[in-house]
């Protein structure tokens, strides 16, 4: 009889482990290291996190980050760089045309 009692206890232990694992999976916690809580301020500073966050409780929480002006700022800087490049190209084209005109004048003066 003691032989049968031991397997019954192991079955109960296995069932307890399975239920504990299922409970951790249900709360989006895959290992015990995730039990530590991270402050909201630290999460808000992390740029690599997505806009929405899934809490360990399984709830979806909208991020408090303000990413609204980031795209606008980058597009404005890109426009400024493009204008600078256009101006630089205009200066180069003018210099090239001046050199061509100078060569042409020298050629006509030689003849």
Protein backbone atom coordinates (compact mmCIF):
# COMPACT_ATOMS: atom_id res chain seq x y z
CA UNK A 1 0.00 0.00 0.00
CA UNK A 2 2.84 2.35 0.66
CA UNK A 3 3.86 1.84 -2.97
CA UNK A 4 0.52 3.19 -4.14
CA UNK A 5 0.61 6.14 -1.75
CA UNK A 6 3.89 7.41 -3.15
CA UNK A 7 2.68 7.61 -6.79
CA UNK A 8 -0.50 9.32 -5.65
CA UNK A 9 1.56 11.97 -3.89
CA UNK A 10 3.73 12.49 -6.97
CA UNK A 11 0.61 12.82 -9.11
CA UNK A 12 -0.68 15.47 -6.73
CA UNK A 13 2.69 17.23 -6.82
CA UNK A 14 2.70 17.18 -10.61
CA UNK A 15 -0.86 18.49 -10.72
CA UNK A 16 0.09 21.26 -8.30
CA UNK A 17 3.07 22.18 -10.47
CA UNK A 18 0.88 22.18 -13.58
CA UNK A 19 -1.73 24.39 -11.93
CA UNK A 20 1.00 26.77 -10.71
CA UNK A 21 2.46 26.93 -14.22
CA UNK A 22 -0.98 27.56 -15.71
CA UNK A 23 -1.56 30.34 -13.20
CA UNK A 24 1.77 31.97 -14.10
CA UNK A 25 0.99 31.69 -17.83
CA UNK A 26 -2.43 33.26 -17.26
CA UNK A 27 -0.80 36.27 -15.63
CA UNK A 28 1.81 36.60 -18.41
CA UNK A 29 4.58 35.60 -16.04
CA UNK A 30 6.85 32.96 -17.50
CA UNK A 31 9.54 32.77 -14.85
CA UNK A 32 10.04 33.80 -11.27
CA UNK A 33 12.44 36.59 -12.23
CA UNK A 34 9.53 38.59 -13.59
CA UNK A 35 8.04 39.02 -10.14
CA UNK A 36 10.08 42.19 -9.55
CA UNK A 37 8.19 45.39 -10.28
CA UNK A 38 9.69 48.09 -12.49
CA UNK A 39 8.82 51.70 -11.83
CA UNK A 40 6.57 53.47 -14.31
CA UNK A 41 9.07 56.31 -14.71
CA UNK A 42 11.76 53.87 -15.80
CA UNK A 43 9.40 52.29 -18.32
CA UNK A 44 8.45 55.71 -19.67
CA UNK A 45 12.11 56.53 -20.35
CA UNK A 46 12.76 53.28 -22.24
CA UNK A 47 12.54 54.19 -25.94
CA UNK A 48 12.56 50.59 -27.10
CA UNK A 49 9.28 49.66 -25.45
CA UNK A 50 6.14 49.78 -27.59
CA UNK A 51 3.38 52.31 -27.08
CA UNK A 52 1.10 49.79 -25.38
CA UNK A 53 2.29 47.63 -22.54
CA UNK A 54 0.98 44.36 -21.13
CA UNK A 55 1.19 44.39 -17.36
CA UNK A 56 2.10 41.25 -15.39
CA UNK A 57 -1.59 41.05 -14.45
CA UNK A 58 -2.45 40.58 -18.13
CA UNK A 59 -4.04 44.01 -18.63
CA UNK A 60 -3.19 46.18 -21.62
CA UNK A 61 -1.99 49.59 -20.52
CA UNK A 62 -1.50 52.54 -22.86
CA UNK A 63 1.92 54.09 -22.57
CA UNK A 64 2.34 57.51 -21.02
CA UNK A 65 5.17 58.39 -23.38
CA UNK A 66 4.81 61.47 -25.53
CA UNK A 67 6.02 60.43 -28.97
CA UNK A 68 3.73 62.87 -30.72
CA UNK A 69 6.34 65.45 -31.70
CA UNK A 70 9.12 63.02 -32.59
CA UNK A 71 8.03 62.35 -36.18
CA UNK A 72 7.31 66.02 -36.80
CA UNK A 73 10.72 67.01 -35.47
CA UNK A 74 12.56 64.49 -37.64
CA UNK A 75 10.64 65.55 -40.76
CA UNK A 76 11.46 69.20 -40.08
CA UNK A 77 15.16 68.45 -39.70
CA UNK A 78 15.06 66.41 -42.91
CA UNK A 79 13.46 69.34 -44.75
CA UNK A 80 16.12 71.70 -43.44
CA UNK A 81 18.89 69.35 -44.57
CA UNK A 82 17.28 69.04 -47.99
CA UNK A 83 17.15 72.83 -48.37
CA UNK A 84 20.82 73.09 -47.39
CA UNK A 85 21.75 70.45 -49.96
CA UNK A 86 19.74 72.22 -52.66
CA UNK A 87 21.57 75.47 -51.91
CA UNK A 88 24.95 73.71 -52.01
CA UNK A 89 24.08 72.09 -55.35
CA UNK A 90 22.99 75.46 -56.76
CA UNK A 91 26.35 76.97 -55.75
CA UNK A 92 28.25 74.07 -57.36
CA UNK A 93 26.22 74.29 -60.57
CA UNK A 94 26.88 78.05 -60.76
CA UNK A 95 30.63 77.48 -60.26
CA UNK A 96 30.66 74.83 -63.01
CA UNK A 97 28.78 77.13 -65.41
CA UNK A 98 31.17 79.99 -64.62
CA UNK A 99 34.18 77.78 -65.41
CA UNK A 100 32.58 76.66 -68.68
CA UNK A 101 31.86 80.27 -69.64
CA UNK A 102 35.44 81.25 -68.75
CA UNK A 103 36.84 78.44 -70.93
CA UNK A 104 34.53 79.45 -73.76
CA UNK A 105 35.67 83.10 -73.53
CA UNK A 106 39.31 82.02 -73.51
CA UNK A 107 38.69 79.80 -76.52
CA UNK A 108 37.01 82.59 -78.50
CA UNK A 109 39.77 85.05 -77.50
CA UNK A 110 42.42 82.60 -78.77
CA UNK A 111 40.77 82.37 -82.16
